Amino acid sequence: MRVFELIDPAARQHLEAVVAEQERRTGGEIVIAVVGACDEYGSAGWRLGTALAAFAFLGLGVLAPPLPWTAYLGAQAVALLLGHALARVEGVRRHLLPAALAERRVFERARRCFAEQGLTRTRGRTGILILAALLERRVVVLADEGIHRALGPDESWQEVVDLAVDGMRHGRPVPGLEAAVRRCGEILAAHLPAPPVNPDELPNAVVVLED
C-alpha cells in the first residue's frame, strides 16, 4: 500500500495542524510517522505457493486419471507462481503474516524512526512517536524518558493505539490518526502541561517512511 494514496497533501497538512494544536497544550513533542509496510515479507509468497502446489499435486492424484509426471510438475509450477502473485495482493499478504513477525517488524521500524527523527534530542526528553504501519494495521507509540517520568506506572498508550488502528481497519487512517493525536494530547496535557516558554522543538510534518 502506498502511503500517498491514502494520505494526500491536504490530509497531511490537516494532521500537522492537529499536532501543532495539541503541542500548544503540553510540553510534549508529538511526531506522526506512517509507513506502507515494515518488511517485504518475501516468505509469504513461498508459503502460499508451496501450499497451493501441494493441493494441486494431491488434487490431481485423487481426482484425475493417471497423468505423465510432467503434468504434475507443470501444475505445481503454476500453483507456485499463483501463490506468489496472490501474495502481492495486500489483503492476502496481510492474512499470511505471522502475528509475532509483523509485531516485531513494526516495533523495530518504530525504534529506528524514533532515533532517525531526533526524538531523543528535545530539551526535556519529551518526544513521543506515533508510528502507523498500514499493511500490518499496527501502531506503536514510543515516548522518551521525560514523558515516562510524568506518567503513572500503570498508565499506557493503548487507547491511543486503539484509535489509530480502528481508523486503519475501517479504511479511514487519517481520522484514526487525528483521534489518536488528540487523545495523546489530552494525556500529555494532564501530566505534562505546557510550560510558560514552550518552543516547538521538532517539525510537525507527517513523516512518510519508505517501505
N, C-alpha and C. Protein backbone atom coordinates (compact mmCIF):
# COMPACT_ATOMS: atom_id res chain seq x y z
N MET A 1 0.85 -1.19 0.00
CA MET A 1 0.00 0.00 0.00
C MET A 1 0.89 1.23 0.00
N ARG A 2 0.61 2.16 -0.92
CA ARG A 2 1.35 3.39 -0.99
C ARG A 2 0.73 4.41 -0.04
N VAL A 3 1.57 5.00 0.80
CA VAL A 3 1.08 5.94 1.79
C VAL A 3 0.40 7.13 1.12
N PHE A 4 0.99 7.61 0.02
CA PHE A 4 0.45 8.80 -0.63
C PHE A 4 -0.94 8.58 -1.22
N GLU A 5 -1.32 7.31 -1.43
CA GLU A 5 -2.65 7.03 -1.95
C GLU A 5 -3.73 7.23 -0.88
N LEU A 6 -3.36 7.09 0.37
CA LEU A 6 -4.32 7.21 1.45
C LEU A 6 -4.20 8.52 2.21
N ILE A 7 -3.00 9.07 2.23
CA ILE A 7 -2.78 10.32 2.97
C ILE A 7 -2.22 11.34 1.99
N ASP A 8 -3.11 12.12 1.40
CA ASP A 8 -2.69 13.10 0.39
C ASP A 8 -2.16 14.37 1.07
N PRO A 9 -1.63 15.31 0.29
CA PRO A 9 -1.05 16.53 0.90
C PRO A 9 -2.02 17.28 1.80
N ALA A 10 -3.30 17.37 1.41
CA ALA A 10 -4.28 18.07 2.24
C ALA A 10 -4.46 17.37 3.59
N ALA A 11 -4.52 16.03 3.55
CA ALA A 11 -4.67 15.27 4.79
C ALA A 11 -3.44 15.43 5.68
N ARG A 12 -2.27 15.45 5.07
CA ARG A 12 -1.04 15.63 5.85
C ARG A 12 -1.03 17.00 6.51
N GLN A 13 -1.44 18.04 5.78
CA GLN A 13 -1.48 19.37 6.37
C GLN A 13 -2.47 19.42 7.53
N HIS A 14 -3.58 18.72 7.37
CA HIS A 14 -4.57 18.68 8.46
C HIS A 14 -3.98 18.02 9.70
N LEU A 15 -3.31 16.89 9.52
CA LEU A 15 -2.71 16.21 10.67
C LEU A 15 -1.63 17.05 11.31
N GLU A 16 -0.86 17.75 10.49
CA GLU A 16 0.19 18.61 11.03
C GLU A 16 -0.41 19.74 11.87
N ALA A 17 -1.54 20.27 11.44
CA ALA A 17 -2.21 21.32 12.21
C ALA A 17 -2.73 20.77 13.54
N VAL A 18 -3.23 19.53 13.53
CA VAL A 18 -3.70 18.91 14.76
C VAL A 18 -2.54 18.70 15.73
N VAL A 19 -1.39 18.26 15.21
CA VAL A 19 -0.20 18.08 16.05
C VAL A 19 0.19 19.41 16.69
N ALA A 20 0.24 20.48 15.89
CA ALA A 20 0.62 21.80 16.41
C ALA A 20 -0.36 22.26 17.48
N GLU A 21 -1.65 22.02 17.25
CA GLU A 21 -2.68 22.42 18.22
C GLU A 21 -2.48 21.70 19.55
N GLN A 22 -2.23 20.38 19.50
CA GLN A 22 -2.06 19.61 20.72
C GLN A 22 -0.76 19.96 21.44
N GLU A 23 0.27 20.26 20.68
CA GLU A 23 1.55 20.59 21.31
C GLU A 23 1.49 21.92 22.07
N ARG A 24 0.57 22.79 21.69
CA ARG A 24 0.45 24.05 22.44
C ARG A 24 -0.10 23.83 23.84
N ARG A 25 -0.70 22.65 24.07
CA ARG A 25 -1.28 22.34 25.38
C ARG A 25 -0.30 21.65 26.31
N THR A 26 0.84 21.23 25.79
CA THR A 26 1.71 20.35 26.56
C THR A 26 3.18 20.61 26.26
N GLY A 27 4.03 20.10 27.13
CA GLY A 27 5.46 20.19 26.89
C GLY A 27 5.96 19.06 26.02
N GLY A 28 5.08 18.16 25.62
CA GLY A 28 5.49 17.04 24.77
C GLY A 28 5.65 17.46 23.32
N GLU A 29 6.46 16.70 22.59
CA GLU A 29 6.68 16.93 21.16
C GLU A 29 6.20 15.69 20.41
N ILE A 30 5.10 15.82 19.68
CA ILE A 30 4.45 14.68 19.02
C ILE A 30 4.92 14.58 17.57
N VAL A 31 5.29 13.38 17.17
CA VAL A 31 5.68 13.13 15.78
C VAL A 31 4.83 11.97 15.25
N ILE A 32 4.20 12.18 14.09
CA ILE A 32 3.46 11.10 13.42
C ILE A 32 4.33 10.56 12.29
N ALA A 33 4.44 9.25 12.22
CA ALA A 33 5.14 8.60 11.10
C ALA A 33 4.22 7.53 10.52
N VAL A 34 4.23 7.41 9.21
CA VAL A 34 3.37 6.43 8.52
C VAL A 34 4.24 5.66 7.53
N VAL A 35 4.10 4.35 7.53
CA VAL A 35 4.82 3.50 6.59
C VAL A 35 3.84 2.52 5.95
N GLY A 36 4.03 2.26 4.66
CA GLY A 36 3.15 1.31 3.99
C GLY A 36 3.31 -0.10 4.52
N ALA A 37 4.55 -0.55 4.65
CA ALA A 37 4.84 -1.89 5.18
C ALA A 37 6.22 -1.86 5.81
N CYS A 38 6.41 -2.61 6.87
CA CYS A 38 7.68 -2.60 7.60
C CYS A 38 8.64 -3.69 7.14
N ASP A 39 8.25 -4.47 6.14
CA ASP A 39 9.11 -5.53 5.60
C ASP A 39 8.51 -5.95 4.27
N GLU A 40 9.32 -6.60 3.45
CA GLU A 40 8.80 -7.15 2.20
C GLU A 40 8.05 -8.46 2.43
N TYR A 41 8.37 -9.15 3.51
CA TYR A 41 7.71 -10.41 3.85
C TYR A 41 7.73 -11.36 2.65
N GLY A 42 8.91 -11.54 2.10
CA GLY A 42 9.06 -12.38 0.91
C GLY A 42 8.66 -13.83 1.13
N SER A 43 8.74 -14.30 2.36
CA SER A 43 8.39 -15.70 2.61
C SER A 43 6.90 -15.97 2.43
N ALA A 44 6.08 -14.93 2.45
CA ALA A 44 4.63 -15.14 2.34
C ALA A 44 4.27 -15.80 1.01
N GLY A 45 4.90 -15.33 -0.09
CA GLY A 45 4.62 -15.91 -1.40
C GLY A 45 5.06 -17.36 -1.49
N TRP A 46 6.21 -17.67 -0.92
CA TRP A 46 6.70 -19.05 -0.95
C TRP A 46 5.78 -19.97 -0.15
N ARG A 47 5.34 -19.50 1.02
CA ARG A 47 4.48 -20.35 1.85
C ARG A 47 3.14 -20.61 1.17
N LEU A 48 2.55 -19.57 0.58
CA LEU A 48 1.27 -19.77 -0.10
C LEU A 48 1.47 -20.62 -1.36
N GLY A 49 2.53 -20.35 -2.12
CA GLY A 49 2.78 -21.13 -3.33
C GLY A 49 3.02 -22.59 -3.04
N THR A 50 3.77 -22.87 -1.99
CA THR A 50 4.03 -24.27 -1.61
C THR A 50 2.75 -24.98 -1.21
N ALA A 51 1.89 -24.28 -0.47
CA ALA A 51 0.62 -24.89 -0.07
C ALA A 51 -0.26 -25.18 -1.28
N LEU A 52 -0.31 -24.21 -2.22
CA LEU A 52 -1.13 -24.43 -3.42
C LEU A 52 -0.56 -25.55 -4.28
N ALA A 53 0.78 -25.63 -4.35
CA ALA A 53 1.41 -26.70 -5.13
C ALA A 53 1.08 -28.07 -4.54
N ALA A 54 1.08 -28.15 -3.21
CA ALA A 54 0.74 -29.41 -2.56
C ALA A 54 -0.71 -29.81 -2.85
N PHE A 55 -1.61 -28.81 -2.79
CA PHE A 55 -3.02 -29.10 -3.10
C PHE A 55 -3.18 -29.53 -4.56
N ALA A 56 -2.43 -28.89 -5.45
CA ALA A 56 -2.53 -29.25 -6.87
C ALA A 56 -2.07 -30.69 -7.09
N PHE A 57 -0.98 -31.07 -6.46
CA PHE A 57 -0.47 -32.44 -6.60
C PHE A 57 -1.46 -33.46 -6.05
N LEU A 58 -1.98 -33.16 -4.84
CA LEU A 58 -2.93 -34.09 -4.23
C LEU A 58 -4.23 -34.15 -5.02
N GLY A 59 -4.68 -32.97 -5.51
CA GLY A 59 -5.93 -32.95 -6.27
C GLY A 59 -5.84 -33.76 -7.54
N LEU A 60 -4.72 -33.61 -8.27
CA LEU A 60 -4.56 -34.39 -9.50
C LEU A 60 -4.44 -35.88 -9.19
N GLY A 61 -3.76 -36.17 -8.09
CA GLY A 61 -3.57 -37.58 -7.75
C GLY A 61 -4.86 -38.26 -7.36
N VAL A 62 -5.77 -37.52 -6.73
CA VAL A 62 -7.02 -38.11 -6.23
C VAL A 62 -8.13 -38.04 -7.28
N LEU A 63 -8.23 -36.90 -7.97
CA LEU A 63 -9.39 -36.66 -8.82
C LEU A 63 -9.16 -36.95 -10.30
N ALA A 64 -7.92 -36.91 -10.74
CA ALA A 64 -7.66 -37.08 -12.17
C ALA A 64 -7.15 -38.49 -12.46
N PRO A 65 -7.31 -38.93 -13.68
CA PRO A 65 -6.73 -40.22 -14.06
C PRO A 65 -5.21 -40.09 -14.05
N PRO A 66 -4.50 -41.22 -14.08
CA PRO A 66 -3.03 -41.16 -14.11
C PRO A 66 -2.53 -40.27 -15.24
N LEU A 67 -1.60 -39.39 -14.91
CA LEU A 67 -1.07 -38.43 -15.87
C LEU A 67 0.45 -38.55 -15.95
N PRO A 68 1.05 -38.06 -17.02
CA PRO A 68 2.52 -38.04 -17.08
C PRO A 68 3.08 -37.18 -15.95
N TRP A 69 4.30 -37.49 -15.53
CA TRP A 69 4.90 -36.74 -14.42
C TRP A 69 5.05 -35.27 -14.76
N THR A 70 5.17 -34.95 -16.06
CA THR A 70 5.29 -33.55 -16.44
C THR A 70 4.02 -32.76 -16.13
N ALA A 71 2.88 -33.42 -16.16
CA ALA A 71 1.62 -32.74 -15.84
C ALA A 71 1.60 -32.34 -14.37
N TYR A 72 2.07 -33.26 -13.51
CA TYR A 72 2.13 -32.93 -12.08
C TYR A 72 3.11 -31.79 -11.82
N LEU A 73 4.25 -31.88 -12.49
CA LEU A 73 5.26 -30.84 -12.31
C LEU A 73 4.75 -29.49 -12.81
N GLY A 74 4.09 -29.49 -13.97
CA GLY A 74 3.56 -28.25 -14.51
C GLY A 74 2.50 -27.64 -13.61
N ALA A 75 1.63 -28.47 -13.08
CA ALA A 75 0.57 -27.98 -12.20
C ALA A 75 1.16 -27.36 -10.93
N GLN A 76 2.21 -27.99 -10.41
CA GLN A 76 2.84 -27.44 -9.21
C GLN A 76 3.54 -26.12 -9.50
N ALA A 77 4.17 -26.03 -10.67
CA ALA A 77 4.83 -24.78 -11.04
C ALA A 77 3.82 -23.64 -11.17
N VAL A 78 2.70 -23.93 -11.81
CA VAL A 78 1.65 -22.92 -11.95
C VAL A 78 1.12 -22.50 -10.58
N ALA A 79 0.91 -23.49 -9.71
CA ALA A 79 0.41 -23.19 -8.37
C ALA A 79 1.40 -22.33 -7.59
N LEU A 80 2.70 -22.61 -7.76
CA LEU A 80 3.71 -21.82 -7.06
C LEU A 80 3.70 -20.37 -7.54
N LEU A 81 3.61 -20.19 -8.85
CA LEU A 81 3.55 -18.83 -9.40
C LEU A 81 2.27 -18.12 -8.96
N LEU A 82 1.18 -18.85 -8.92
CA LEU A 82 -0.09 -18.26 -8.47
C LEU A 82 0.01 -17.80 -7.02
N GLY A 83 0.69 -18.61 -6.20
CA GLY A 83 0.86 -18.24 -4.80
C GLY A 83 1.64 -16.94 -4.64
N HIS A 84 2.71 -16.79 -5.44
CA HIS A 84 3.49 -15.55 -5.39
C HIS A 84 2.66 -14.36 -5.86
N ALA A 85 1.85 -14.57 -6.90
CA ALA A 85 1.02 -13.47 -7.41
C ALA A 85 -0.04 -13.06 -6.38
N LEU A 86 -0.69 -14.04 -5.78
CA LEU A 86 -1.72 -13.73 -4.79
C LEU A 86 -1.13 -13.04 -3.56
N ALA A 87 0.08 -13.41 -3.20
CA ALA A 87 0.71 -12.83 -2.01
C ALA A 87 1.05 -11.36 -2.20
N ARG A 88 1.02 -10.89 -3.44
CA ARG A 88 1.26 -9.47 -3.68
C ARG A 88 0.00 -8.63 -3.47
N VAL A 89 -1.14 -9.30 -3.39
CA VAL A 89 -2.39 -8.59 -3.09
C VAL A 89 -2.40 -8.26 -1.60
N GLU A 90 -2.62 -7.00 -1.30
CA GLU A 90 -2.45 -6.54 0.08
C GLU A 90 -3.27 -7.32 1.10
N GLY A 91 -4.55 -7.53 0.81
CA GLY A 91 -5.39 -8.24 1.76
C GLY A 91 -4.93 -9.67 1.99
N VAL A 92 -4.49 -10.32 0.92
CA VAL A 92 -3.99 -11.70 1.05
C VAL A 92 -2.70 -11.71 1.85
N ARG A 93 -1.78 -10.80 1.50
CA ARG A 93 -0.48 -10.77 2.19
C ARG A 93 -0.66 -10.50 3.68
N ARG A 94 -1.60 -9.62 4.01
CA ARG A 94 -1.81 -9.31 5.43
C ARG A 94 -2.22 -10.56 6.20
N HIS A 95 -3.11 -11.38 5.60
CA HIS A 95 -3.57 -12.58 6.30
C HIS A 95 -2.50 -13.66 6.37
N LEU A 96 -1.49 -13.56 5.53
CA LEU A 96 -0.41 -14.55 5.55
C LEU A 96 0.67 -14.21 6.57
N LEU A 97 0.64 -13.00 7.13
CA LEU A 97 1.71 -12.58 8.03
C LEU A 97 1.56 -13.23 9.40
N PRO A 98 2.58 -13.89 9.89
CA PRO A 98 2.55 -14.34 11.28
C PRO A 98 2.46 -13.13 12.21
N ALA A 99 1.56 -13.18 13.15
CA ALA A 99 1.32 -12.02 14.01
C ALA A 99 2.58 -11.58 14.75
N ALA A 100 3.33 -12.55 15.27
CA ALA A 100 4.53 -12.21 16.03
C ALA A 100 5.57 -11.52 15.16
N LEU A 101 5.71 -12.00 13.90
CA LEU A 101 6.68 -11.40 12.99
C LEU A 101 6.27 -9.97 12.64
N ALA A 102 5.00 -9.76 12.32
CA ALA A 102 4.53 -8.42 11.98
C ALA A 102 4.73 -7.46 13.14
N GLU A 103 4.39 -7.91 14.34
CA GLU A 103 4.54 -7.06 15.51
C GLU A 103 6.01 -6.70 15.74
N ARG A 104 6.88 -7.68 15.56
CA ARG A 104 8.32 -7.41 15.75
C ARG A 104 8.85 -6.43 14.73
N ARG A 105 8.46 -6.60 13.46
CA ARG A 105 8.96 -5.71 12.40
C ARG A 105 8.46 -4.28 12.61
N VAL A 106 7.21 -4.11 13.03
CA VAL A 106 6.68 -2.76 13.25
C VAL A 106 7.40 -2.09 14.41
N PHE A 107 7.62 -2.84 15.47
CA PHE A 107 8.31 -2.25 16.63
C PHE A 107 9.75 -1.87 16.27
N GLU A 108 10.42 -2.73 15.49
CA GLU A 108 11.79 -2.41 15.07
C GLU A 108 11.81 -1.15 14.23
N ARG A 109 10.82 -1.01 13.32
CA ARG A 109 10.78 0.19 12.48
C ARG A 109 10.50 1.43 13.31
N ALA A 110 9.66 1.30 14.32
CA ALA A 110 9.37 2.43 15.20
C ALA A 110 10.62 2.86 15.97
N ARG A 111 11.38 1.92 16.44
CA ARG A 111 12.60 2.27 17.19
C ARG A 111 13.61 2.98 16.29
N ARG A 112 13.74 2.52 15.06
CA ARG A 112 14.67 3.19 14.14
C ARG A 112 14.18 4.61 13.84
N CYS A 113 12.88 4.74 13.62
CA CYS A 113 12.32 6.05 13.31
C CYS A 113 12.50 7.00 14.49
N PHE A 114 12.35 6.51 15.69
CA PHE A 114 12.49 7.34 16.89
C PHE A 114 13.88 7.97 16.92
N ALA A 115 14.88 7.17 16.59
CA ALA A 115 16.25 7.69 16.57
C ALA A 115 16.49 8.59 15.36
N GLU A 116 16.00 8.17 14.19
CA GLU A 116 16.24 8.93 12.96
C GLU A 116 15.62 10.32 13.00
N GLN A 117 14.48 10.45 13.64
CA GLN A 117 13.78 11.73 13.68
C GLN A 117 14.19 12.61 14.85
N GLY A 118 15.19 12.19 15.60
CA GLY A 118 15.73 13.02 16.67
C GLY A 118 14.83 13.20 17.86
N LEU A 119 13.99 12.23 18.16
CA LEU A 119 13.08 12.39 19.29
C LEU A 119 13.78 12.34 20.63
N THR A 120 15.03 11.91 20.66
CA THR A 120 15.78 11.90 21.92
C THR A 120 16.50 13.22 22.16
N ARG A 121 16.37 14.18 21.24
CA ARG A 121 17.16 15.40 21.36
C ARG A 121 16.37 16.60 21.87
N THR A 122 15.16 16.38 22.35
CA THR A 122 14.42 17.51 22.91
C THR A 122 15.00 17.88 24.28
N ARG A 123 14.80 19.13 24.65
CA ARG A 123 15.42 19.64 25.86
C ARG A 123 14.99 18.87 27.11
N GLY A 124 13.71 18.55 27.19
CA GLY A 124 13.22 17.83 28.37
C GLY A 124 13.02 16.36 28.15
N ARG A 125 13.57 15.83 27.04
CA ARG A 125 13.38 14.42 26.66
C ARG A 125 11.89 14.09 26.64
N THR A 126 11.13 14.93 25.90
CA THR A 126 9.68 14.79 25.89
C THR A 126 9.13 14.46 24.50
N GLY A 127 9.94 13.83 23.67
CA GLY A 127 9.46 13.41 22.35
C GLY A 127 8.57 12.18 22.44
N ILE A 128 7.56 12.12 21.59
CA ILE A 128 6.69 10.95 21.54
C ILE A 128 6.34 10.66 20.08
N LEU A 129 6.51 9.42 19.70
CA LEU A 129 6.28 8.99 18.32
C LEU A 129 5.03 8.13 18.23
N ILE A 130 4.19 8.44 17.23
CA ILE A 130 3.06 7.58 16.88
C ILE A 130 3.33 7.06 15.48
N LEU A 131 3.72 5.79 15.37
CA LEU A 131 4.03 5.19 14.08
C LEU A 131 2.91 4.24 13.66
N ALA A 132 2.38 4.47 12.46
CA ALA A 132 1.32 3.63 11.91
C ALA A 132 1.85 2.85 10.73
N ALA A 133 1.71 1.52 10.76
CA ALA A 133 2.10 0.65 9.65
C ALA A 133 0.82 0.17 8.97
N LEU A 134 0.62 0.60 7.72
CA LEU A 134 -0.66 0.37 7.06
C LEU A 134 -0.90 -1.09 6.69
N LEU A 135 0.11 -1.75 6.12
CA LEU A 135 -0.09 -3.16 5.75
C LEU A 135 -0.40 -4.00 6.98
N GLU A 136 0.42 -3.83 8.00
CA GLU A 136 0.28 -4.64 9.21
C GLU A 136 -0.91 -4.24 10.08
N ARG A 137 -1.43 -3.02 9.81
CA ARG A 137 -2.51 -2.47 10.63
C ARG A 137 -2.12 -2.50 12.11
N ARG A 138 -0.93 -2.01 12.35
CA ARG A 138 -0.43 -1.91 13.72
C ARG A 138 0.10 -0.51 13.98
N VAL A 139 0.04 -0.11 15.22
CA VAL A 139 0.51 1.21 15.64
C VAL A 139 1.38 1.04 16.87
N VAL A 140 2.50 1.75 16.87
CA VAL A 140 3.40 1.74 18.02
C VAL A 140 3.53 3.17 18.53
N VAL A 141 3.42 3.34 19.83
CA VAL A 141 3.66 4.64 20.46
C VAL A 141 4.91 4.51 21.33
N LEU A 142 5.91 5.33 21.04
CA LEU A 142 7.16 5.32 21.81
C LEU A 142 7.35 6.71 22.40
N ALA A 143 7.61 6.77 23.69
CA ALA A 143 7.81 8.05 24.37
C ALA A 143 9.18 8.08 25.03
N ASP A 144 9.77 9.27 25.06
CA ASP A 144 11.08 9.44 25.67
C ASP A 144 10.96 9.46 27.19
N GLU A 145 12.10 9.47 27.86
CA GLU A 145 12.11 9.27 29.31
C GLU A 145 11.43 10.41 30.07
N GLY A 146 11.44 11.63 29.53
CA GLY A 146 10.77 12.73 30.21
C GLY A 146 9.28 12.51 30.33
N ILE A 147 8.68 11.88 29.33
CA ILE A 147 7.25 11.57 29.37
C ILE A 147 7.00 10.39 30.29
N HIS A 148 7.86 9.40 30.25
CA HIS A 148 7.70 8.25 31.14
C HIS A 148 7.73 8.68 32.61
N ARG A 149 8.57 9.64 32.92
CA ARG A 149 8.65 10.11 34.31
C ARG A 149 7.36 10.81 34.72
N ALA A 150 6.70 11.48 33.78
CA ALA A 150 5.50 12.25 34.10
C ALA A 150 4.27 11.36 34.25
N LEU A 151 4.22 10.26 33.53
CA LEU A 151 3.06 9.38 33.58
C LEU A 151 3.15 8.43 34.76
N GLY A 152 1.99 7.94 35.19
CA GLY A 152 1.96 6.97 36.25
C GLY A 152 2.46 5.61 35.79
N PRO A 153 2.92 4.76 36.72
CA PRO A 153 3.49 3.46 36.35
C PRO A 153 2.49 2.51 35.70
N ASP A 154 1.21 2.70 35.94
CA ASP A 154 0.21 1.79 35.40
C ASP A 154 -0.45 2.33 34.13
N GLU A 155 -0.05 3.50 33.68
CA GLU A 155 -0.67 4.09 32.50
C GLU A 155 0.02 3.59 31.23
N SER A 156 -0.75 3.52 30.17
CA SER A 156 -0.20 3.06 28.89
C SER A 156 -0.80 3.91 27.78
N TRP A 157 -0.32 3.66 26.56
CA TRP A 157 -0.79 4.38 25.39
C TRP A 157 -1.76 3.53 24.58
N GLN A 158 -2.33 2.49 25.20
CA GLN A 158 -3.16 1.57 24.45
C GLN A 158 -4.38 2.25 23.83
N GLU A 159 -4.96 3.21 24.52
CA GLU A 159 -6.13 3.89 23.97
C GLU A 159 -5.75 4.66 22.70
N VAL A 160 -4.56 5.27 22.71
CA VAL A 160 -4.08 5.99 21.53
C VAL A 160 -3.89 5.01 20.37
N VAL A 161 -3.27 3.87 20.66
CA VAL A 161 -3.06 2.83 19.66
C VAL A 161 -4.39 2.35 19.09
N ASP A 162 -5.36 2.08 19.95
CA ASP A 162 -6.65 1.54 19.52
C ASP A 162 -7.37 2.51 18.58
N LEU A 163 -7.30 3.79 18.85
CA LEU A 163 -7.97 4.78 18.00
C LEU A 163 -7.38 4.78 16.60
N ALA A 164 -6.05 4.74 16.51
CA ALA A 164 -5.40 4.75 15.20
C ALA A 164 -5.65 3.44 14.44
N VAL A 165 -5.56 2.32 15.14
CA VAL A 165 -5.77 1.02 14.49
C VAL A 165 -7.21 0.90 14.00
N ASP A 166 -8.16 1.37 14.77
CA ASP A 166 -9.57 1.31 14.36
C ASP A 166 -9.78 2.09 13.07
N GLY A 167 -9.13 3.23 12.95
CA GLY A 167 -9.24 4.00 11.72
C GLY A 167 -8.69 3.25 10.52
N MET A 168 -7.55 2.58 10.68
CA MET A 168 -6.96 1.82 9.57
C MET A 168 -7.84 0.65 9.18
N ARG A 169 -8.41 -0.03 10.15
CA ARG A 169 -9.23 -1.21 9.85
C ARG A 169 -10.51 -0.84 9.11
N HIS A 170 -10.96 0.38 9.27
CA HIS A 170 -12.18 0.83 8.60
C HIS A 170 -11.87 1.69 7.37
N GLY A 171 -10.62 1.65 6.92
CA GLY A 171 -10.24 2.39 5.73
C GLY A 171 -10.23 3.89 5.92
N ARG A 172 -10.08 4.36 7.16
CA ARG A 172 -10.08 5.79 7.46
C ARG A 172 -8.86 6.13 8.32
N PRO A 173 -7.66 5.98 7.75
CA PRO A 173 -6.46 6.17 8.56
C PRO A 173 -6.27 7.59 9.07
N VAL A 174 -6.69 8.59 8.28
CA VAL A 174 -6.47 9.98 8.71
C VAL A 174 -7.34 10.33 9.92
N PRO A 175 -8.67 10.08 9.89
CA PRO A 175 -9.45 10.33 11.10
C PRO A 175 -8.96 9.52 12.30
N GLY A 176 -8.50 8.30 12.06
CA GLY A 176 -7.98 7.49 13.16
C GLY A 176 -6.74 8.11 13.77
N LEU A 177 -5.83 8.57 12.93
CA LEU A 177 -4.62 9.22 13.44
C LEU A 177 -4.96 10.54 14.13
N GLU A 178 -5.91 11.27 13.59
CA GLU A 178 -6.30 12.52 14.24
C GLU A 178 -6.84 12.25 15.65
N ALA A 179 -7.71 11.26 15.76
CA ALA A 179 -8.25 10.91 17.08
C ALA A 179 -7.14 10.47 18.03
N ALA A 180 -6.17 9.72 17.51
CA ALA A 180 -5.06 9.25 18.34
C ALA A 180 -4.22 10.43 18.83
N VAL A 181 -3.95 11.38 17.94
CA VAL A 181 -3.14 12.54 18.33
C VAL A 181 -3.89 13.37 19.38
N ARG A 182 -5.18 13.55 19.18
CA ARG A 182 -5.95 14.35 20.14
C ARG A 182 -5.97 13.67 21.51
N ARG A 183 -6.13 12.35 21.53
CA ARG A 183 -6.11 11.65 22.82
C ARG A 183 -4.73 11.71 23.44
N CYS A 184 -3.70 11.60 22.62
CA CYS A 184 -2.33 11.73 23.12
C CYS A 184 -2.14 13.11 23.74
N GLY A 185 -2.64 14.14 23.07
CA GLY A 185 -2.53 15.49 23.61
C GLY A 185 -3.23 15.64 24.95
N GLU A 186 -4.41 15.02 25.08
CA GLU A 186 -5.14 15.09 26.35
C GLU A 186 -4.34 14.45 27.48
N ILE A 187 -3.76 13.29 27.20
CA ILE A 187 -2.97 12.60 28.24
C ILE A 187 -1.76 13.43 28.62
N LEU A 188 -1.08 13.96 27.62
CA LEU A 188 0.12 14.74 27.90
C LEU A 188 -0.23 16.03 28.65
N ALA A 189 -1.32 16.69 28.26
CA ALA A 189 -1.70 17.93 28.92
C ALA A 189 -2.02 17.70 30.39
N ALA A 190 -2.57 16.52 30.71
CA ALA A 190 -2.91 16.22 32.10
C ALA A 190 -1.67 15.97 32.96
N HIS A 191 -0.64 15.41 32.36
CA HIS A 191 0.56 15.04 33.13
C HIS A 191 1.76 15.93 32.85
N LEU A 192 1.77 16.55 31.69
CA LEU A 192 2.93 17.35 31.29
C LEU A 192 2.42 18.63 30.61
N PRO A 193 1.78 19.51 31.38
CA PRO A 193 1.21 20.73 30.77
C PRO A 193 2.29 21.62 30.17
N ALA A 194 1.85 22.47 29.26
CA ALA A 194 2.79 23.34 28.56
C ALA A 194 3.47 24.30 29.54
N PRO A 195 4.78 24.44 29.48
CA PRO A 195 5.49 25.41 30.32
C PRO A 195 5.25 26.83 29.81
N PRO A 196 5.61 27.85 30.60
CA PRO A 196 5.43 29.24 30.14
C PRO A 196 6.13 29.51 28.80
N VAL A 197 7.32 28.98 28.66
CA VAL A 197 8.04 29.07 27.38
C VAL A 197 8.01 27.68 26.76
N ASN A 198 7.34 27.57 25.62
CA ASN A 198 7.09 26.25 25.04
C ASN A 198 7.48 26.24 23.56
N PRO A 199 8.78 26.20 23.28
CA PRO A 199 9.21 26.22 21.87
C PRO A 199 8.84 24.93 21.15
N ASP A 200 8.64 25.02 19.86
CA ASP A 200 8.35 23.86 19.03
C ASP A 200 9.70 23.28 18.59
N GLU A 201 10.13 22.20 19.25
CA GLU A 201 11.49 21.69 19.06
C GLU A 201 11.62 20.71 17.89
N LEU A 202 10.52 20.10 17.49
CA LEU A 202 10.57 19.13 16.40
C LEU A 202 9.56 19.52 15.32
N PRO A 203 9.86 19.21 14.06
CA PRO A 203 8.91 19.54 12.99
C PRO A 203 7.57 18.83 13.19
N ASN A 204 6.50 19.49 12.79
CA ASN A 204 5.17 18.90 12.90
C ASN A 204 4.79 18.09 11.67
N ALA A 205 5.63 18.10 10.65
CA ALA A 205 5.32 17.42 9.39
C ALA A 205 5.16 15.91 9.62
N VAL A 206 4.16 15.34 8.94
CA VAL A 206 3.97 13.89 8.98
C VAL A 206 5.15 13.23 8.27
N VAL A 207 5.78 12.29 8.96
CA VAL A 207 6.94 11.59 8.40
C VAL A 207 6.43 10.39 7.60
N VAL A 208 6.73 10.37 6.32
CA VAL A 208 6.37 9.24 5.47
C VAL A 208 7.61 8.40 5.26
N LEU A 209 7.58 7.17 5.72
CA LEU A 209 8.73 6.29 5.66
C LEU A 209 8.66 5.41 4.41
N GLU A 210 9.78 5.12 3.83
CA GLU A 210 9.82 4.25 2.65
C GLU A 210 9.61 2.82 3.09
N ASP A 211 8.77 2.09 2.32
CA ASP A 211 8.52 0.68 2.64
C ASP A 211 9.26 -0.19 1.66
